[in-house]
Amino acid sequence: MSEAPEPAADAEALADSAAPREDASLEAAPVEPDPRLLEARDLALAALREITPAQTIGEPAGYTVEGDGVVSLRFENRLSGYPGWHWTVSLAVVEDAEPTVLEAELLPGDGALLAPEWVPWSVRLEEYKAAQSAAAEAAAADESDEGEDFAPEGDEFDQDEDDFDEDGSPILHAGDVDGVDIDELDAGDDDAADDDAADDDDAAESDEDYDEDDDEARSEDDDADEDDDAWDDDDAED
């Protein structure tokens, strides 16, 4: 009587039979371009001359198999300002007919100089505002740091309220300027003002004395006139 196979052995056998087997014949073979398309350079050049002057078209620069029987032939570009770009003509053969041109254009190649990606104005405006805000914050932070670096510390920088004027501006008289003591200049100005006042007082007293002398002289003249009148009266009586 034969023994029944173990379930584990059956499972392993089924897994081995269901596992995919590598087969080189199943790999996709590279697509070979139609030789007629590779030889249709004159057709491609004629198509390019319809969109650009002949002097802007250079030597052949290879081809690309696009799929579905389409081949793109590339030619060097001689236009200034377009380094790395190629004139490209896409060709195809339809229903065993002669090759035909599908498209002709100037396309960028590897390392071509490209324009930056277009950014909407609203996005650029937001980026500009963000940059301006960041710059303002950085400037404010720098000013704050400078203020902390030069903050006065200790008794050396202590100042009393008396050292400031009513409007908050400091009174600048605490030292020499070009070797001249400001306080001494102020004292000299005060002395000169006192001397001028004394001279004015002396001049006023001199004027008063002169006026008194004039009054006395006038009084003596009046007395002399009275004596002359009395003398004249005596002569008249005689």
Protein backbone atom coordinates (compact mmCIF):
# COMPACT_ATOMS: atom_id res chain seq x y z
CA MET A 1 0.00 0.00 0.00
CA SER A 2 1.54 3.31 -1.16
CA GLU A 3 1.90 6.29 1.15
CA ALA A 4 0.23 9.61 0.26
CA PRO A 5 2.63 12.53 -0.44
CA GLU A 6 3.05 15.07 2.27
CA PRO A 7 1.17 18.37 1.76
CA ALA A 8 4.40 20.38 2.20
CA ALA A 9 6.10 18.55 -0.64
CA ASP A 10 3.13 19.16 -2.93
CA ALA A 11 3.19 22.90 -2.16
CA GLU A 12 6.90 23.16 -3.00
CA ALA A 13 6.37 21.31 -6.27
CA LEU A 14 3.54 23.62 -7.28
CA ALA A 15 5.61 26.73 -6.40
CA ASP A 16 8.52 25.52 -8.52
CA SER A 17 6.27 24.87 -11.48
CA ALA A 18 4.59 28.30 -11.19
CA ALA A 19 7.83 30.32 -10.76
CA PRO A 20 8.76 32.45 -13.83
CA ARG A 21 11.74 31.23 -15.76
CA GLU A 22 14.25 33.62 -17.28
CA ASP A 23 14.38 33.25 -20.99
CA ALA A 24 16.64 35.43 -23.10
CA SER A 25 14.36 34.91 -26.07
CA LEU A 26 11.54 36.74 -24.25
CA GLU A 27 13.53 40.01 -23.94
CA ALA A 28 12.43 42.75 -26.30
CA ALA A 29 14.73 43.03 -29.24
CA PRO A 30 16.05 46.54 -30.08
CA VAL A 31 14.01 48.32 -32.73
CA GLU A 32 15.93 48.64 -35.95
CA PRO A 33 15.25 51.83 -37.88
CA ASP A 34 14.03 51.59 -41.45
CA PRO A 35 17.10 52.04 -43.69
CA ARG A 36 15.06 54.16 -46.07
CA LEU A 37 14.49 56.72 -43.30
CA LEU A 38 18.19 56.88 -42.47
CA GLU A 39 18.96 57.51 -46.13
CA ALA A 40 16.31 60.25 -46.50
CA ARG A 41 18.71 63.07 -45.59
CA ASP A 42 17.98 65.06 -48.72
CA LEU A 43 14.28 64.97 -47.88
CA ALA A 44 15.02 66.17 -44.35
CA LEU A 45 17.28 68.99 -45.58
CA ALA A 46 14.63 70.14 -48.05
CA ALA A 47 12.11 70.33 -45.21
CA LEU A 48 14.53 72.36 -43.07
CA ARG A 49 15.26 74.84 -45.86
CA GLU A 50 11.56 75.70 -45.86
CA ILE A 51 11.80 77.04 -42.28
CA THR A 52 15.40 78.31 -42.01
CA PRO A 53 18.18 79.56 -44.33
CA ALA A 54 20.52 76.89 -45.66
CA GLN A 55 23.58 78.52 -44.01
CA THR A 56 22.07 77.84 -40.57
CA ILE A 57 22.05 74.06 -41.17
CA GLY A 58 25.21 72.13 -40.33
CA GLU A 59 26.45 68.58 -40.71
CA PRO A 60 24.39 65.48 -39.73
CA ALA A 61 24.49 64.88 -35.96
CA GLY A 62 22.93 61.42 -35.61
CA TYR A 63 19.41 60.10 -35.31
CA THR A 64 16.87 58.92 -32.72
CA VAL A 65 14.40 56.04 -33.07
CA GLU A 66 11.12 57.39 -31.68
CA GLY A 67 9.01 54.23 -31.98
CA ASP A 68 6.10 53.30 -34.21
CA GLY A 69 8.43 53.40 -37.18
CA VAL A 70 9.37 57.09 -36.68
CA VAL A 71 12.99 58.22 -36.95
CA SER A 72 14.28 61.73 -36.16
CA LEU A 73 17.34 62.91 -38.06
CA ARG A 74 19.46 65.60 -36.36
CA PHE A 75 21.66 68.27 -37.96
CA GLU A 76 24.07 70.77 -36.41
CA ASN A 77 22.69 74.24 -35.75
CA ARG A 78 24.70 77.28 -36.89
CA LEU A 79 22.43 79.94 -35.42
CA SER A 80 24.21 82.17 -32.91
CA GLY A 81 22.73 82.15 -29.43
CA TYR A 82 21.56 78.51 -29.57
CA PRO A 83 24.50 76.40 -28.37
CA GLY A 84 23.63 72.72 -27.96
CA TRP A 85 20.51 72.93 -30.16
CA HIS A 86 19.92 70.76 -33.25
CA TRP A 87 17.73 70.95 -36.30
CA THR A 88 15.50 67.88 -36.05
CA VAL A 89 13.35 66.28 -38.76
CA SER A 90 10.99 63.40 -37.92
CA LEU A 91 10.38 60.93 -40.77
CA ALA A 92 8.14 57.90 -41.22
CA VAL A 93 7.10 55.35 -43.83
CA VAL A 94 3.37 54.81 -44.13
CA GLU A 95 2.03 51.60 -45.70
CA ASP A 96 5.22 50.76 -47.56
CA ALA A 97 5.18 54.16 -49.28
CA GLU A 98 8.07 56.56 -49.69
CA PRO A 99 9.39 58.30 -46.57
CA THR A 100 7.48 61.40 -45.55
CA VAL A 101 8.22 64.32 -43.25
CA LEU A 102 6.17 64.50 -40.08
CA GLU A 103 7.79 67.49 -38.36
CA ALA A 104 10.81 69.79 -38.67
CA GLU A 105 11.95 71.99 -35.77
CA LEU A 106 14.85 73.26 -33.67
CA LEU A 107 15.18 71.23 -30.45
CA PRO A 108 17.61 71.44 -27.51
CA GLY A 109 20.17 68.70 -27.02
CA ASP A 110 22.25 67.69 -24.02
CA GLY A 111 23.80 70.75 -22.35
CA ALA A 112 21.73 73.19 -24.42
CA LEU A 113 21.21 76.71 -23.15
CA LEU A 114 17.56 76.93 -22.07
CA ALA A 115 15.39 79.77 -20.86
CA PRO A 116 14.34 79.56 -17.20
CA GLU A 117 10.97 78.05 -16.43
CA TRP A 118 8.21 80.63 -16.63
CA VAL A 119 6.94 81.73 -13.22
CA PRO A 120 3.53 83.47 -12.88
CA TRP A 121 3.59 87.10 -11.77
CA SER A 122 1.62 86.36 -8.61
CA VAL A 123 4.26 83.85 -7.51
CA ARG A 124 7.13 86.23 -8.32
CA LEU A 125 5.39 89.02 -6.39
CA GLU A 126 5.00 86.84 -3.32
CA GLU A 127 8.67 85.84 -3.52
CA TYR A 128 9.66 89.51 -3.82
CA LYS A 129 7.58 90.47 -0.78
CA ALA A 130 9.05 87.61 1.22
CA ALA A 131 12.59 88.68 0.27
CA GLN A 132 11.87 92.30 1.25
CA SER A 133 10.42 91.21 4.59
CA ALA A 134 13.43 89.01 5.30
CA ALA A 135 15.82 91.86 4.44
CA ALA A 136 13.95 94.25 6.76
CA GLU A 137 14.06 91.75 9.62
CA ALA A 138 17.79 91.20 9.07
CA ALA A 139 18.44 94.96 9.10
CA ALA A 140 16.43 95.37 12.31
CA ALA A 141 18.37 92.52 13.92
CA ASP A 142 21.69 94.12 12.92
CA GLU A 143 20.64 97.47 14.42
CA SER A 144 19.59 95.72 17.63
CA ASP A 145 22.95 93.93 17.85
CA GLU A 146 24.85 97.19 17.30
CA GLY A 147 22.80 98.88 20.02
CA GLU A 148 23.68 96.10 22.47
CA ASP A 149 27.37 96.28 21.55
CA PHE A 150 27.56 100.02 22.27
CA ALA A 151 25.26 100.10 25.31
CA PRO A 152 26.86 102.22 28.13
CA GLU A 153 27.93 100.22 31.16
CA GLY A 154 29.42 101.26 34.51
CA ASP A 155 29.97 104.63 36.19
CA GLU A 156 32.11 105.79 33.30
CA PHE A 157 29.01 106.38 31.19
CA ASP A 158 26.66 107.59 33.95
CA GLN A 159 25.02 110.93 33.22
CA ASP A 160 22.76 113.08 35.38
CA GLU A 161 19.58 114.72 34.26
CA ASP A 162 21.25 118.10 34.83
CA ASP A 163 23.58 117.36 31.94
CA PHE A 164 20.68 117.59 29.51
CA ASP A 165 18.61 120.52 28.33
CA GLU A 166 14.82 120.69 28.64
CA ASP A 167 14.39 119.22 25.16
CA GLY A 168 16.57 116.23 26.06
CA SER A 169 19.67 117.36 24.15
CA PRO A 170 22.98 117.27 26.05
CA ILE A 171 24.65 120.52 27.12
CA LEU A 172 28.01 120.45 25.37
CA HIS A 173 30.40 122.31 27.73
CA ALA A 174 32.28 119.49 29.40
CA GLY A 175 35.77 119.82 27.96
CA ASP A 176 38.28 121.55 25.78
CA VAL A 177 37.71 122.18 22.07
CA ASP A 178 40.92 122.54 20.08
CA GLY A 179 42.82 123.37 23.27
CA VAL A 180 40.35 126.07 24.44
CA ASP A 181 38.42 125.64 27.68
CA ILE A 182 34.79 126.43 27.03
CA ASP A 183 34.14 127.26 30.69
CA GLU A 184 36.94 129.85 30.72
CA LEU A 185 35.53 131.47 27.60
CA ASP A 186 32.16 131.73 29.30
CA ALA A 187 33.77 133.30 32.40
CA GLY A 188 35.67 135.80 30.22
CA ASP A 189 32.47 136.78 28.48
CA ASP A 190 30.79 137.40 31.84
CA ASP A 191 33.71 139.61 33.04
CA ALA A 192 33.64 141.60 29.82
CA ALA A 193 29.92 142.13 30.23
CA ASP A 194 30.46 143.37 33.82
CA ASP A 195 33.18 145.79 32.66
CA ASP A 196 30.91 147.17 29.96
CA ALA A 197 28.15 147.69 32.52
CA ALA A 198 30.57 149.54 34.86
CA ASP A 199 31.74 151.77 32.02
CA ASP A 200 28.14 152.59 31.20
CA ASP A 201 27.50 153.53 34.85
CA ASP A 202 30.59 155.80 34.93
CA ALA A 203 29.50 157.50 31.73
CA ALA A 204 26.05 158.09 33.16
CA GLU A 205 27.51 159.64 36.34
CA SER A 206 29.76 161.89 34.24
CA ASP A 207 26.75 163.06 32.27
CA GLU A 208 24.89 163.84 35.49
CA ASP A 209 27.87 165.86 36.85
CA TYR A 210 28.07 167.77 33.60
CA ASP A 211 24.38 168.58 33.77
CA GLU A 212 24.78 169.90 37.36
CA ASP A 213 27.67 172.14 36.27
CA ASP A 214 25.52 173.49 33.47
CA ASP A 215 22.73 174.27 35.91
CA GLU A 216 25.13 176.16 38.23
CA ALA A 217 26.52 178.15 35.31
CA ARG A 218 23.02 179.12 34.23
CA SER A 219 22.20 180.19 37.80
CA GLU A 220 25.28 182.44 37.96
CA ASP A 221 24.36 183.96 34.59
CA ASP A 222 20.88 184.73 35.91
CA ASP A 223 22.36 186.44 39.00
CA ALA A 224 24.64 188.55 36.81
CA ASP A 225 21.70 189.59 34.69
CA GLU A 226 19.80 190.71 37.80
CA ASP A 227 22.80 192.79 38.97
CA ASP A 228 22.99 194.48 35.57
CA ASP A 229 19.29 195.32 35.72
CA ALA A 230 19.68 196.84 39.17
CA TRP A 231 22.65 198.92 38.02
CA ASP A 232 20.72 200.21 35.08
CA ASP A 233 17.84 201.26 37.38
CA ASP A 234 20.25 203.24 39.60
CA ASP A 235 21.69 205.06 36.61
CA ALA A 236 18.23 205.97 35.46
CA GLU A 237 17.31 207.53 38.81
CA ASP A 238 20.44 209.67 38.82
